[in-house]
Each structure stands twice: as C-alpha cells, then as structure tokens.
C-alpha cells in the first residue's frame, strides 16, 4: 500500500531515482545492495534516500524475481531511454496509486484545496501535516506542485497534473479567497513584473523577426509612453511593411490561458481590426529561446465575438445621472 512511504525520511529526488533505476538495470541486486550503493552519496545536496527502493516497488517499477532480487518491470524498460519520460511515468504511477488510496482523501479535499479566479488549483498548507511532509517534498521535487508565488505555505497544482484531482468536490464557483494586504501587494508586484517581462520579450521577439528591416528600431514598447494607449507594443506585419502597422496587446499567463481586457483595449481592437494582435505569453517559457507566443489577429472578432472563449464581467462602472 502506498501509505507505507510515510515510514521513510526521503523517497528521493528525480536525479536519485533515475540513477537508482539505471544502476538496478546494470545487473541483479538485492534491495540491500541497491541501498548500500547510494549510502552517504550526495545527490542534489542530500544524503538520505531510505525510501527510494521500496517506493519504486510500491508503484510497480521494481519487482522481485524468484531469487528475491530486484528487477525492473519489463513493461517499463523503454522509459529508461529518456529521463524526462521516466520521471513523468514515475509521477503518473505514484499519483494513480495515491488517488486510489484512503490517504488521498485525507490530504486533498474541499477543506484543503480551492480554485483561484483563473482556474488554478491551490493546495493549502493544512493538507501537509508533519507526518505527510514526505509526500509534500516528493510532489515539490517532481514538479507536481510548486510554491505559491504570493500566498505563504500554499502550493499550486501544475497544469499537467490537475486531472488527478478532478474527482475532489471543490466548486469552481466558490467565492474568491480574500487576500491579506501583504498578499495583495505581492500579487500586484508579481503581475507588474510578469507584464513587463512579457512586453520586453515581445519587443525582442519582434525585433529578432525583423532584424534586417529598415524600421526595426521603430519596434518598441508604447506602454512606456502611454499606459492607456490600448496596446503595448508597435511592430511590423511583414517584411514588406513600409510603416509601423502592427499594434500588439501583450498578456502574460503562467497556468491557464486567462487575461483581463479593458474597455479601451476592446475599442482599439475593434478600430484597428486586422492590424491589432493579441500576444499571449507563457511566463514559464519566455527563457526558452525556441518559445513562440500565441498570436491572435483581429481579436475583437476571434475572441470578443467568439464562442471559443468564456467571458466574465469582473466590475461595473457607475455614474450618477444629472
């Protein structure tokens, strides 16, 4: 039963489990021999990996032969060719076992989880009591969850793994959690940083695309000059453009593709039509030189008037009649 991992101090990091599996595949070893090989070895600045071998046995990666020696499950051998896929498979095997256990219900329920406004799933620190710290550490090490950017001791469920939590009775219509003043300030600072990073990325992206164009230096951030312009960056639509003819609104996201769109931006999109673009920039990928943002042309037509996006009013403007 997967609950047995609670008896250990450390399951292991991705690097450790990958090395452990590779070593186990090199010959035939007893469980003790596998543990002893890594005794006092430093991996990811850690020395204690007492639960790794048993963990891989619990999720079905390791099996014991007739001589009671450890072998790798033959149906999983092909995952050894790619470390990334290997770790993803370990995650899926573990989460499948965990979701089928009573332990899962103790950890994850409507008392310990909630949805943020953009649909991001959050786990509160209440889920991970001291005796469950090994599970929290595993989920962090294997990138199933990550630390919340502005709510202390809370964790975000990363997109690839949200489906494992779908059966938990958490209403997405719950009232939005009230932030403390400190959390609100951190959120605003984070949004400002993300927005500026995304705009700088788009300017660099466009300049690189049109680096041989005579107007390349005219590609710039307009938000530095006027935050109410209705767009953030001006650029060129093609190498044949002889004037600035692309007006880009930049929106940053990190999990789900959500963004706020002001009345001024909507009006600008309506007026500029095919000259107006939305660039959706994944904050987690902008450091990747191969990354290309999502680009939508004439977004008034393709988003505002489209049925492919959910639109929700967040505020109303009231003015007293005279």
C-alpha atoms as a PDB file:
ATOM      1  CA  UNK A   1       0.000   0.000   0.000  1.00  0.00           C
ATOM      2  CA  UNK A   2       1.250   3.466  -0.923  1.00  0.00           C
ATOM      3  CA  UNK A   3       0.813   4.619   2.710  1.00  0.00           C
ATOM      4  CA  UNK A   4       3.971   2.666   3.539  1.00  0.00           C
ATOM      5  CA  UNK A   5       6.126   5.520   2.224  1.00  0.00           C
ATOM      6  CA  UNK A   6       5.160   7.532   5.325  1.00  0.00           C
ATOM      7  CA  UNK A   7       7.587   5.395   7.340  1.00  0.00           C
ATOM      8  CA  UNK A   8      10.609   6.807   5.472  1.00  0.00           C
ATOM      9  CA  UNK A   9      12.539  10.051   5.701  1.00  0.00           C
ATOM     10  CA  UNK A  10      13.005  10.613   1.977  1.00  0.00           C
ATOM     11  CA  UNK A  11      11.740   8.945  -1.189  1.00  0.00           C
ATOM     12  CA  UNK A  12      14.353  10.629  -3.331  1.00  0.00           C
ATOM     13  CA  UNK A  13      14.780  13.324  -5.949  1.00  0.00           C
ATOM     14  CA  UNK A  14      14.290  12.819  -9.699  1.00  0.00           C
ATOM     15  CA  UNK A  15      18.077  12.567 -10.155  1.00  0.00           C
ATOM     16  CA  UNK A  16      18.373   9.952  -7.436  1.00  0.00           C
ATOM     17  CA  UNK A  17      15.529   7.749  -8.715  1.00  0.00           C
ATOM     18  CA  UNK A  18      16.859   7.973 -12.285  1.00  0.00           C
ATOM     19  CA  UNK A  19      20.326   6.892 -11.091  1.00  0.00           C
ATOM     20  CA  UNK A  20      18.850   4.180  -8.889  1.00  0.00           C
ATOM     21  CA  UNK A  21      16.867   2.723 -11.788  1.00  0.00           C
ATOM     22  CA  UNK A  22      19.872   2.897 -14.108  1.00  0.00           C
ATOM     23  CA  UNK A  23      22.057   1.105 -11.545  1.00  0.00           C
ATOM     24  CA  UNK A  24      19.408  -1.553 -10.925  1.00  0.00           C
ATOM     25  CA  UNK A  25      19.273  -2.186 -14.661  1.00  0.00           C
ATOM     26  CA  UNK A  26      23.040  -2.778 -14.894  1.00  0.00           C
ATOM     27  CA  UNK A  27      22.958  -6.097 -13.027  1.00  0.00           C
ATOM     28  CA  UNK A  28      20.992  -8.097 -10.464  1.00  0.00           C
ATOM     29  CA  UNK A  29      20.979  -6.770  -6.903  1.00  0.00           C
ATOM     30  CA  UNK A  30      19.247  -7.348  -3.626  1.00  0.00           C
ATOM     31  CA  UNK A  31      17.319  -4.496  -2.064  1.00  0.00           C
ATOM     32  CA  UNK A  32      20.110  -4.001   0.489  1.00  0.00           C
ATOM     33  CA  UNK A  33      22.787  -3.839  -2.218  1.00  0.00           C
ATOM     34  CA  UNK A  34      20.857  -1.131  -4.047  1.00  0.00           C
ATOM     35  CA  UNK A  35      20.513   0.896  -0.863  1.00  0.00           C
ATOM     36  CA  UNK A  36      24.152   0.406   0.132  1.00  0.00           C
ATOM     37  CA  UNK A  37      25.432   1.596  -3.264  1.00  0.00           C
ATOM     38  CA  UNK A  38      23.986   5.053  -2.592  1.00  0.00           C
ATOM     39  CA  UNK A  39      24.875   5.137   1.103  1.00  0.00           C
ATOM     40  CA  UNK A  40      26.354   8.539   2.011  1.00  0.00           C
ATOM     41  CA  UNK A  41      26.427   9.641  -1.627  1.00  0.00           C
ATOM     42  CA  UNK A  42      25.406  13.245  -2.206  1.00  0.00           C
ATOM     43  CA  UNK A  43      22.725  13.744  -4.851  1.00  0.00           C
ATOM     44  CA  UNK A  44      21.037  17.133  -5.139  1.00  0.00           C
ATOM     45  CA  UNK A  45      22.763  18.066  -1.859  1.00  0.00           C
ATOM     46  CA  UNK A  46      21.005  15.249   0.010  1.00  0.00           C
ATOM     47  CA  UNK A  47      22.395  12.094   1.557  1.00  0.00           C
ATOM     48  CA  UNK A  48      19.407  10.169   2.898  1.00  0.00           C
ATOM     49  CA  UNK A  49      17.285   8.234   0.388  1.00  0.00           C
ATOM     50  CA  UNK A  50      15.962   5.463   2.586  1.00  0.00           C
ATOM     51  CA  UNK A  51      12.601   5.052   0.839  1.00  0.00           C
ATOM     52  CA  UNK A  52      13.580   5.044  -2.836  1.00  0.00           C
ATOM     53  CA  UNK A  53      13.847   1.312  -3.477  1.00  0.00           C
ATOM     54  CA  UNK A  54      10.655   0.462  -1.618  1.00  0.00           C
ATOM     55  CA  UNK A  55       8.817   3.351  -3.297  1.00  0.00           C
ATOM     56  CA  UNK A  56       9.699   2.073  -6.788  1.00  0.00           C
ATOM     57  CA  UNK A  57       8.475  -1.361  -5.712  1.00  0.00           C
ATOM     58  CA  UNK A  58       5.188   0.040  -4.419  1.00  0.00           C
ATOM     59  CA  UNK A  59       4.411   1.799  -7.721  1.00  0.00           C
ATOM     60  CA  UNK A  60       5.345  -1.300  -9.735  1.00  0.00           C
ATOM     61  CA  UNK A  61       8.591  -0.080 -11.272  1.00  0.00           C
ATOM     62  CA  UNK A  62      10.683  -2.591  -9.351  1.00  0.00           C
ATOM     63  CA  UNK A  63       9.650  -6.223  -8.972  1.00  0.00           C
ATOM     64  CA  UNK A  64      11.352  -9.127  -7.185  1.00  0.00           C
ATOM     65  CA  UNK A  65      12.367 -12.270  -9.057  1.00  0.00           C
ATOM     66  CA  UNK A  66      12.341 -15.831  -7.727  1.00  0.00           C
ATOM     67  CA  UNK A  67      15.723 -15.245  -6.069  1.00  0.00           C
ATOM     68  CA  UNK A  68      14.259 -12.231  -4.241  1.00  0.00           C
ATOM     69  CA  UNK A  69      16.479  -9.857  -6.202  1.00  0.00           C
ATOM     70  CA  UNK A  70      15.286  -6.572  -7.663  1.00  0.00           C
ATOM     71  CA  UNK A  71      14.415  -6.351 -11.358  1.00  0.00           C
ATOM     72  CA  UNK A  72      12.873  -3.609 -13.454  1.00  0.00           C
ATOM     73  CA  UNK A  73       9.349  -4.290 -14.663  1.00  0.00           C
ATOM     74  CA  UNK A  74       9.859  -5.314 -18.315  1.00  0.00           C
ATOM     75  CA  UNK A  75       6.821  -3.360 -19.416  1.00  0.00           C
ATOM     76  CA  UNK A  76       8.571  -0.167 -18.255  1.00  0.00           C
ATOM     77  CA  UNK A  77      12.100  -0.728 -19.581  1.00  0.00           C
ATOM     78  CA  UNK A  78      11.624   1.566 -22.571  1.00  0.00           C
ATOM     79  CA  UNK A  79      11.248   4.577 -20.244  1.00  0.00           C
ATOM     80  CA  UNK A  80      14.934   4.276 -19.339  1.00  0.00           C
ATOM     81  CA  UNK A  81      15.836   5.757 -22.735  1.00  0.00           C
ATOM     82  CA  UNK A  82      14.503   9.204 -21.830  1.00  0.00           C
ATOM     83  CA  UNK A  83      14.956  10.746 -18.372  1.00  0.00           C
ATOM     84  CA  UNK A  84      12.094  13.200 -18.872  1.00  0.00           C
ATOM     85  CA  UNK A  85       9.611  10.474 -19.797  1.00  0.00           C
ATOM     86  CA  UNK A  86      10.959   8.319 -16.988  1.00  0.00           C
ATOM     87  CA  UNK A  87      10.148  10.948 -14.370  1.00  0.00           C
ATOM     88  CA  UNK A  88       6.738  11.611 -15.925  1.00  0.00           C
ATOM     89  CA  UNK A  89       5.980   7.884 -15.749  1.00  0.00           C
ATOM     90  CA  UNK A  90       7.071   7.711 -12.108  1.00  0.00           C
ATOM     91  CA  UNK A  91       4.754  10.637 -11.360  1.00  0.00           C
ATOM     92  CA  UNK A  92       1.800   9.033 -13.099  1.00  0.00           C
ATOM     93  CA  UNK A  93       2.328   5.665 -11.395  1.00  0.00           C
ATOM     94  CA  UNK A  94       2.586   7.321  -7.995  1.00  0.00           C
ATOM     95  CA  UNK A  95      -0.409   9.622  -8.460  1.00  0.00           C
ATOM     96  CA  UNK A  96      -2.544   6.759  -9.746  1.00  0.00           C
ATOM     97  CA  UNK A  97      -1.731   4.735  -6.620  1.00  0.00           C
ATOM     98  CA  UNK A  98      -2.249   7.749  -4.384  1.00  0.00           C
ATOM     99  CA  UNK A  99      -5.650   8.680  -5.828  1.00  0.00           C
ATOM    100  CA  UNK A 100      -6.894   5.147  -5.188  1.00  0.00           C
ATOM    101  CA  UNK A 101      -5.878   5.209  -1.519  1.00  0.00           C
ATOM    102  CA  UNK A 102      -7.626   6.492   1.600  1.00  0.00           C
ATOM    103  CA  UNK A 103      -4.601   8.706   2.150  1.00  0.00           C
ATOM    104  CA  UNK A 104      -5.547  10.811  -0.880  1.00  0.00           C
ATOM    105  CA  UNK A 105      -8.886  11.778   0.669  1.00  0.00           C
ATOM    106  CA  UNK A 106      -7.175  12.740   3.917  1.00  0.00           C
ATOM    107  CA  UNK A 107      -4.731  15.000   2.128  1.00  0.00           C
ATOM    108  CA  UNK A 108      -6.823  16.538  -0.603  1.00  0.00           C
ATOM    109  CA  UNK A 109     -10.399  17.648  -0.055  1.00  0.00           C
ATOM    110  CA  UNK A 110     -12.547  20.766  -0.115  1.00  0.00           C
ATOM    111  CA  UNK A 111     -11.080  21.811   3.247  1.00  0.00           C
ATOM    112  CA  UNK A 112      -7.502  21.829   1.959  1.00  0.00           C
ATOM    113  CA  UNK A 113      -7.950  22.892  -1.681  1.00  0.00           C
ATOM    114  CA  UNK A 114      -9.527  25.745  -3.595  1.00  0.00           C
ATOM    115  CA  UNK A 115      -9.605  27.243  -7.072  1.00  0.00           C
ATOM    116  CA  UNK A 116      -8.242  30.661  -7.831  1.00  0.00           C
ATOM    117  CA  UNK A 117     -10.099  33.018 -10.112  1.00  0.00           C
ATOM    118  CA  UNK A 118      -8.196  31.866 -13.208  1.00  0.00           C
ATOM    119  CA  UNK A 119      -8.954  28.191 -12.538  1.00  0.00           C
ATOM    120  CA  UNK A 120      -5.606  27.398 -10.929  1.00  0.00           C
ATOM    121  CA  UNK A 121      -5.909  24.683  -8.287  1.00  0.00           C
ATOM    122  CA  UNK A 122      -4.321  25.512  -4.930  1.00  0.00           C
ATOM    123  CA  UNK A 123      -3.413  23.224  -2.035  1.00  0.00           C
ATOM    124  CA  UNK A 124      -3.249  24.881   1.363  1.00  0.00           C
ATOM    125  CA  UNK A 125      -0.568  24.099   3.903  1.00  0.00           C
ATOM    126  CA  UNK A 126      -3.257  22.372   6.002  1.00  0.00           C
ATOM    127  CA  UNK A 127      -3.036  19.347   3.681  1.00  0.00           C
ATOM    128  CA  UNK A 128       0.524  18.519   4.647  1.00  0.00           C
ATOM    129  CA  UNK A 129       0.680  17.872   8.356  1.00  0.00           C
ATOM    130  CA  UNK A 130       4.062  16.856   9.752  1.00  0.00           C
ATOM    131  CA  UNK A 131       3.555  13.135   9.145  1.00  0.00           C
ATOM    132  CA  UNK A 132       2.752  13.833   5.470  1.00  0.00           C
ATOM    133  CA  UNK A 133       5.819  16.023   4.842  1.00  0.00           C
ATOM    134  CA  UNK A 134       7.458  13.298   2.737  1.00  0.00           C
ATOM    135  CA  UNK A 135       4.584  13.474   0.239  1.00  0.00           C
ATOM    136  CA  UNK A 136       4.750  17.258   0.033  1.00  0.00           C
ATOM    137  CA  UNK A 137       8.504  17.061  -0.607  1.00  0.00           C
ATOM    138  CA  UNK A 138       8.049  14.443  -3.325  1.00  0.00           C
ATOM    139  CA  UNK A 139       5.357  16.494  -5.076  1.00  0.00           C
ATOM    140  CA  UNK A 140       7.627  19.554  -4.969  1.00  0.00           C
ATOM    141  CA  UNK A 141      10.740  17.693  -6.111  1.00  0.00           C
ATOM    142  CA  UNK A 142       8.902  16.096  -9.020  1.00  0.00           C
ATOM    143  CA  UNK A 143       7.198  19.332 -10.068  1.00  0.00           C
ATOM    144  CA  UNK A 144       3.664  18.074  -9.444  1.00  0.00           C
ATOM    145  CA  UNK A 145       3.143  21.137  -7.274  1.00  0.00           C
ATOM    146  CA  UNK A 146       5.036  24.383  -6.880  1.00  0.00           C
ATOM    147  CA  UNK A 147       5.160  27.019  -4.167  1.00  0.00           C
ATOM    148  CA  UNK A 148       2.544  29.727  -4.463  1.00  0.00           C
ATOM    149  CA  UNK A 149       4.039  32.987  -5.616  1.00  0.00           C
ATOM    150  CA  UNK A 150       2.347  35.221  -3.047  1.00  0.00           C
ATOM    151  CA  UNK A 151       0.349  33.099  -0.557  1.00  0.00           C
ATOM    152  CA  UNK A 152       2.772  31.774   2.017  1.00  0.00           C
ATOM    153  CA  UNK A 153       2.905  27.987   2.508  1.00  0.00           C
ATOM    154  CA  UNK A 154       0.348  27.318  -0.220  1.00  0.00           C
ATOM    155  CA  UNK A 155       1.031  25.305  -3.357  1.00  0.00           C
ATOM    156  CA  UNK A 156      -0.144  25.345  -6.959  1.00  0.00           C
ATOM    157  CA  UNK A 157      -1.038  22.116  -8.743  1.00  0.00           C
ATOM    158  CA  UNK A 158       0.832  22.278 -12.032  1.00  0.00           C
ATOM    159  CA  UNK A 159      -1.313  22.017 -15.137  1.00  0.00           C
ATOM    160  CA  UNK A 160      -0.164  18.576 -16.252  1.00  0.00           C
ATOM    161  CA  UNK A 161      -1.441  17.022 -13.034  1.00  0.00           C
ATOM    162  CA  UNK A 162      -4.718  18.798 -12.333  1.00  0.00           C
ATOM    163  CA  UNK A 163      -6.704  15.909 -13.839  1.00  0.00           C
ATOM    164  CA  UNK A 164      -5.714  13.669 -10.902  1.00  0.00           C
ATOM    165  CA  UNK A 165      -7.695  15.978  -8.617  1.00  0.00           C
ATOM    166  CA  UNK A 166     -10.830  16.247 -10.767  1.00  0.00           C
ATOM    167  CA  UNK A 167     -12.939  13.978  -8.570  1.00  0.00           C
ATOM    168  CA  UNK A 168     -12.484  16.120  -5.475  1.00  0.00           C
ATOM    169  CA  UNK A 169     -15.643  18.001  -4.559  1.00  0.00           C
ATOM    170  CA  UNK A 170     -14.321  21.520  -4.977  1.00  0.00           C
ATOM    171  CA  UNK A 171     -16.668  24.015  -6.563  1.00  0.00           C
ATOM    172  CA  UNK A 172     -15.089  26.300  -9.127  1.00  0.00           C
ATOM    173  CA  UNK A 173     -17.811  28.788  -8.247  1.00  0.00           C
ATOM    174  CA  UNK A 174     -16.554  29.219  -4.690  1.00  0.00           C
ATOM    175  CA  UNK A 175     -16.244  32.793  -3.523  1.00  0.00           C
ATOM    176  CA  UNK A 176     -12.823  34.161  -4.212  1.00  0.00           C
ATOM    177  CA  UNK A 177     -10.464  33.831  -1.268  1.00  0.00           C
ATOM    178  CA  UNK A 178      -9.909  37.160   0.471  1.00  0.00           C
ATOM    179  CA  UNK A 179      -6.244  38.121   0.326  1.00  0.00           C
ATOM    180  CA  UNK A 180      -4.410  39.768   3.155  1.00  0.00           C
ATOM    181  CA  UNK A 181      -2.996  43.221   2.426  1.00  0.00           C
ATOM    182  CA  UNK A 182       0.525  41.779   2.221  1.00  0.00           C
ATOM    183  CA  UNK A 183      -0.601  39.030  -0.182  1.00  0.00           C
ATOM    184  CA  UNK A 184      -2.443  41.589  -2.318  1.00  0.00           C
ATOM    185  CA  UNK A 185       0.659  43.774  -2.559  1.00  0.00           C
ATOM    186  CA  UNK A 186       2.805  40.776  -3.508  1.00  0.00           C
ATOM    187  CA  UNK A 187       0.247  39.783  -6.161  1.00  0.00           C
ATOM    188  CA  UNK A 188       0.228  43.257  -7.698  1.00  0.00           C
ATOM    189  CA  UNK A 189       4.031  43.399  -7.721  1.00  0.00           C
ATOM    190  CA  UNK A 190       4.153  39.972  -9.342  1.00  0.00           C
ATOM    191  CA  UNK A 191       1.604  40.951 -12.004  1.00  0.00           C
ATOM    192  CA  UNK A 192       3.561  44.106 -12.805  1.00  0.00           C
ATOM    193  CA  UNK A 193       6.803  42.138 -13.103  1.00  0.00           C
ATOM    194  CA  UNK A 194       5.204  39.449 -15.265  1.00  0.00           C
ATOM    195  CA  UNK A 195       3.599  42.061 -17.502  1.00  0.00           C
ATOM    196  CA  UNK A 196       6.834  43.963 -18.001  1.00  0.00           C
ATOM    197  CA  UNK A 197       8.788  40.761 -18.664  1.00  0.00           C
ATOM    198  CA  UNK A 198       6.216  39.671 -21.250  1.00  0.00           C
ATOM    199  CA  UNK A 199       6.290  43.044 -23.027  1.00  0.00           C
ATOM    200  CA  UNK A 200      10.109  43.042 -23.141  1.00  0.00           C
ATOM    201  CA  UNK A 201      10.009  39.507 -24.511  1.00  0.00           C
ATOM    202  CA  UNK A 202       7.619  40.541 -27.295  1.00  0.00           C
ATOM    203  CA  UNK A 203       9.767  43.531 -28.283  1.00  0.00           C
ATOM    204  CA  UNK A 204      12.842  41.285 -28.501  1.00  0.00           C
ATOM    205  CA  UNK A 205      10.853  38.622 -30.358  1.00  0.00           C
ATOM    206  CA  UNK A 206       9.598  41.119 -32.963  1.00  0.00           C
ATOM    207  CA  UNK A 207      12.973  42.782 -33.384  1.00  0.00           C
ATOM    208  CA  UNK A 208      14.604  39.426 -33.969  1.00  0.00           C
ATOM    209  CA  UNK A 209      11.935  38.550 -36.536  1.00  0.00           C
ATOM    210  CA  UNK A 210      12.504  41.791 -38.459  1.00  0.00           C
ATOM    211  CA  UNK A 211      16.177  42.334 -37.658  1.00  0.00           C
ATOM    212  CA  UNK A 212      17.003  43.127 -41.309  1.00  0.00           C
ATOM    213  CA  UNK A 213      14.132  45.585 -41.769  1.00  0.00           C
ATOM    214  CA  UNK A 214      14.962  49.288 -42.027  1.00  0.00           C
ATOM    215  CA  UNK A 215      12.291  50.070 -39.419  1.00  0.00           C
ATOM    216  CA  UNK A 216      13.450  47.511 -36.859  1.00  0.00           C
ATOM    217  CA  UNK A 217      14.393  50.222 -34.353  1.00  0.00           C
ATOM    218  CA  UNK A 218      10.836  51.568 -34.525  1.00  0.00           C
ATOM    219  CA  UNK A 219       9.601  48.380 -32.876  1.00  0.00           C
ATOM    220  CA  UNK A 220       9.109  49.434 -29.267  1.00  0.00           C
ATOM    221  CA  UNK A 221       7.039  49.403 -26.106  1.00  0.00           C
ATOM    222  CA  UNK A 222       4.340  52.063 -26.238  1.00  0.00           C
ATOM    223  CA  UNK A 223       3.293  51.281 -22.673  1.00  0.00           C
ATOM    224  CA  UNK A 224       6.393  53.209 -21.544  1.00  0.00           C
ATOM    225  CA  UNK A 225       4.923  56.323 -23.151  1.00  0.00           C
ATOM    226  CA  UNK A 226       1.205  55.824 -22.541  1.00  0.00           C
ATOM    227  CA  UNK A 227      -0.297  53.044 -20.446  1.00  0.00           C
ATOM    228  CA  UNK A 228      -3.759  53.919 -21.794  1.00  0.00           C
ATOM    229  CA  UNK A 229      -2.904  53.564 -25.468  1.00  0.00           C
ATOM    230  CA  UNK A 230      -4.934  50.334 -25.792  1.00  0.00           C
ATOM    231  CA  UNK A 231      -1.885  48.336 -26.915  1.00  0.00           C
ATOM    232  CA  UNK A 232       1.581  47.680 -25.534  1.00  0.00           C
ATOM    233  CA  UNK A 233       3.964  47.219 -28.474  1.00  0.00           C
ATOM    234  CA  UNK A 234       4.142  48.506 -32.043  1.00  0.00           C
ATOM    235  CA  UNK A 235       5.744  46.420 -34.780  1.00  0.00           C
ATOM    236  CA  UNK A 236       5.569  45.323 -38.416  1.00  0.00           C
ATOM    237  CA  UNK A 237       3.194  42.842 -40.003  1.00  0.00           C
ATOM    238  CA  UNK A 238       5.640  41.658 -42.652  1.00  0.00           C
ATOM    239  CA  UNK A 239       8.973  42.330 -44.317  1.00  0.00           C
ATOM    240  CA  UNK A 240       7.019  44.256 -46.948  1.00  0.00           C
ATOM    241  CA  UNK A 241       5.609  46.746 -44.450  1.00  0.00           C
ATOM    242  CA  UNK A 242       6.866  50.290 -45.074  1.00  0.00           C
ATOM    243  CA  UNK A 243       5.290  51.768 -41.930  1.00  0.00           C
ATOM    244  CA  UNK A 244       4.514  50.539 -38.422  1.00  0.00           C
ATOM    245  CA  UNK A 245       1.309  48.583 -38.995  1.00  0.00           C
ATOM    246  CA  UNK A 246       1.001  46.098 -36.121  1.00  0.00           C
ATOM    247  CA  UNK A 247      -0.395  47.039 -32.731  1.00  0.00           C
ATOM    248  CA  UNK A 248       0.162  44.375 -30.100  1.00  0.00           C
ATOM    249  CA  UNK A 249      -1.601  43.908 -26.790  1.00  0.00           C
ATOM    250  CA  UNK A 250       0.545  41.668 -24.557  1.00  0.00           C
ATOM    251  CA  UNK A 251      -0.990  39.431 -21.915  1.00  0.00           C
ATOM    252  CA  UNK A 252       1.017  37.205 -19.606  1.00  0.00           C
ATOM    253  CA  UNK A 253      -0.137  33.936 -18.085  1.00  0.00           C
ATOM    254  CA  UNK A 254       1.539  31.101 -16.188  1.00  0.00           C
ATOM    255  CA  UNK A 255      -1.034  28.326 -15.876  1.00  0.00           C
ATOM    256  CA  UNK A 256      -4.381  28.682 -17.609  1.00  0.00           C
ATOM    257  CA  UNK A 257      -4.805  30.960 -20.627  1.00  0.00           C
ATOM    258  CA  UNK A 258      -6.734  33.786 -18.987  1.00  0.00           C
ATOM    259  CA  UNK A 259      -6.448  37.548 -19.266  1.00  0.00           C
ATOM    260  CA  UNK A 260      -8.249  40.786 -18.473  1.00  0.00           C
ATOM    261  CA  UNK A 261      -9.249  43.076 -21.321  1.00  0.00           C
ATOM    262  CA  UNK A 262     -10.139  46.689 -20.658  1.00  0.00           C
ATOM    263  CA  UNK A 263     -12.844  48.684 -22.428  1.00  0.00           C
ATOM    264  CA  UNK A 264     -10.178  50.857 -24.036  1.00  0.00           C
ATOM    265  CA  UNK A 265      -8.345  47.788 -25.393  1.00  0.00           C
ATOM    266  CA  UNK A 266     -11.597  46.356 -26.773  1.00  0.00           C
ATOM    267  CA  UNK A 267     -12.361  49.618 -28.585  1.00  0.00           C
ATOM    268  CA  UNK A 268      -8.839  49.743 -30.001  1.00  0.00           C
ATOM    269  CA  UNK A 269      -9.140  46.153 -31.247  1.00  0.00           C
ATOM    270  CA  UNK A 270     -12.458  46.981 -32.874  1.00  0.00           C
ATOM    271  CA  UNK A 271     -10.991  50.011 -34.655  1.00  0.00           C
ATOM    272  CA  UNK A 272      -7.656  48.507 -35.702  1.00  0.00           C
ATOM    273  CA  UNK A 273      -9.187  45.163 -36.845  1.00  0.00           C
ATOM    274  CA  UNK A 274      -6.531  43.115 -38.698  1.00  0.00           C
ATOM    275  CA  UNK A 275      -3.776  45.452 -37.549  1.00  0.00           C
ATOM    276  CA  UNK A 276      -4.445  44.584 -33.909  1.00  0.00           C
ATOM    277  CA  UNK A 277      -2.863  41.499 -32.362  1.00  0.00           C
ATOM    278  CA  UNK A 278      -3.011  39.752 -29.030  1.00  0.00           C
ATOM    279  CA  UNK A 279       0.172  38.014 -27.897  1.00  0.00           C
ATOM    280  CA  UNK A 280      -0.397  35.528 -25.083  1.00  0.00           C
ATOM    281  CA  UNK A 281       2.946  34.924 -23.380  1.00  0.00           C
ATOM    282  CA  UNK A 282       3.567  31.951 -21.112  1.00  0.00           C
ATOM    283  CA  UNK A 283       5.659  33.365 -18.284  1.00  0.00           C
ATOM    284  CA  UNK A 284       7.199  29.955 -17.622  1.00  0.00           C
ATOM    285  CA  UNK A 285       8.576  29.619 -21.160  1.00  0.00           C
ATOM    286  CA  UNK A 286       9.978  33.030 -22.072  1.00  0.00           C
ATOM    287  CA  UNK A 287      13.515  31.993 -21.140  1.00  0.00           C
ATOM    288  CA  UNK A 288      13.379  29.260 -23.787  1.00  0.00           C
ATOM    289  CA  UNK A 289      14.966  30.660 -26.989  1.00  0.00           C
ATOM    290  CA  UNK A 290      12.728  28.369 -29.082  1.00  0.00           C
ATOM    291  CA  UNK A 291       9.483  29.593 -27.499  1.00  0.00           C
ATOM    292  CA  UNK A 292       6.858  31.247 -29.692  1.00  0.00           C
ATOM    293  CA  UNK A 293       3.949  33.077 -28.043  1.00  0.00           C
ATOM    294  CA  UNK A 294       0.324  32.562 -29.028  1.00  0.00           C
ATOM    295  CA  UNK A 295      -0.574  35.263 -31.567  1.00  0.00           C
ATOM    296  CA  UNK A 296      -4.178  36.160 -32.403  1.00  0.00           C
ATOM    297  CA  UNK A 297      -5.006  38.671 -35.118  1.00  0.00           C
ATOM    298  CA  UNK A 298      -8.219  40.720 -35.077  1.00  0.00           C
ATOM    299  CA  UNK A 299      -9.023  39.541 -31.586  1.00  0.00           C
ATOM    300  CA  UNK A 300     -12.255  41.524 -31.409  1.00  0.00           C
ATOM    301  CA  UNK A 301     -13.620  39.102 -33.986  1.00  0.00           C
ATOM    302  CA  UNK A 302     -11.742  35.973 -32.888  1.00  0.00           C
ATOM    303  CA  UNK A 303     -12.135  36.408 -29.122  1.00  0.00           C
ATOM    304  CA  UNK A 304     -14.714  39.035 -28.159  1.00  0.00           C
ATOM    305  CA  UNK A 305     -17.282  37.765 -30.669  1.00  0.00           C
ATOM    306  CA  UNK A 306     -16.139  34.153 -30.495  1.00  0.00           C
ATOM    307  CA  UNK A 307     -17.793  31.276 -28.645  1.00  0.00           C
ATOM    308  CA  UNK A 308     -14.405  29.633 -28.037  1.00  0.00           C
ATOM    309  CA  UNK A 309     -13.651  31.819 -25.012  1.00  0.00           C
ATOM    310  CA  UNK A 310     -15.645  32.273 -21.805  1.00  0.00           C
ATOM    311  CA  UNK A 311     -16.219  35.924 -20.942  1.00  0.00           C
ATOM    312  CA  UNK A 312     -16.967  37.011 -17.387  1.00  0.00           C
ATOM    313  CA  UNK A 313     -17.666  40.511 -16.119  1.00  0.00           C
ATOM    314  CA  UNK A 314     -15.396  41.459 -13.221  1.00  0.00           C
ATOM    315  CA  UNK A 315     -16.579  45.007 -12.465  1.00  0.00           C
ATOM    316  CA  UNK A 316     -19.140  47.647 -13.438  1.00  0.00           C
ATOM    317  CA  UNK A 317     -18.728  51.394 -13.858  1.00  0.00           C
ATOM    318  CA  UNK A 318     -21.493  53.563 -12.374  1.00  0.00           C
ATOM    319  CA  UNK A 319     -22.101  57.231 -12.990  1.00  0.00           C
ATOM    320  CA  UNK A 320     -24.814  59.284 -11.364  1.00  0.00           C
ATOM    321  CA  UNK A 321     -27.359  60.750 -13.772  1.00  0.00           C
ATOM    322  CA  UNK A 322     -27.702  64.511 -13.803  1.00  0.00           C
END
